[in-house]
Amino acid sequence: MNTISQDKTAIIFGRRSIRVYSPGKVTEAQITRMLEAAMAAPSAMSKDPWRFIVIEEPKTLEILPQHLPGGSMLKTAAAAIVVCGDLDAAFERNISYLLQDCSAAIENLLICAHGLSLGACWVGVHPDEKSIQSLKQLFSLPNSVVPIAVIALGVPGEDPGSRTRYKASLVHREKW
């Protein structure tokens, strides 16, 4: 009988949003590995509509919070990845499939960052129209490309510890 291994699932429970960063770099190898993990996510009909912009320039990281409510940690991040979706590539050009695909890619990226001993924080962009338009302009995005989130990355400057938010009361069996 197959049992769940605590060791193999610990990375999921250890992944937390890190908003405080210590000095240090995110290497090109780490960025590539996180992008590989993101692109290993499931995608509706394997359309892979995700697109990524890697940000390492301190000036860009400094101004990003002006475009994103809740993005203040980007000022001290070593890097960021803007996760976008190309509506022209999404299954049936459907925004809902695009959002699901990009969200799966984001979660893979976050788990990979944790596995690489990096801190990461998901800063939502979609559906805030002001942030969407602001990032489209800032990064010269094509009309069909929608920014979904910005992932702040860096050397963790805090350790909030592992956790689960499991609540049995939210689980239904066979029917509501």
Foldseek 3Di string as FASTA:
>chain_A
DDDDDCVVCVLVQQQDAFLDFDDDAQDPVLVVVLQVQLLVFDAVVSLSQKDKDKAQDLVCLCCLCVLAPVSNSSNVFRIKIFIKGQLVSHDVSDVVRRLVSSVRSVSSSSSSCVVVQKHKHKGFQPPPPSSQVVVCVVVVPPPRMTTGTMMGIHRGPDRPGGDDPDDPVVDDPPDD
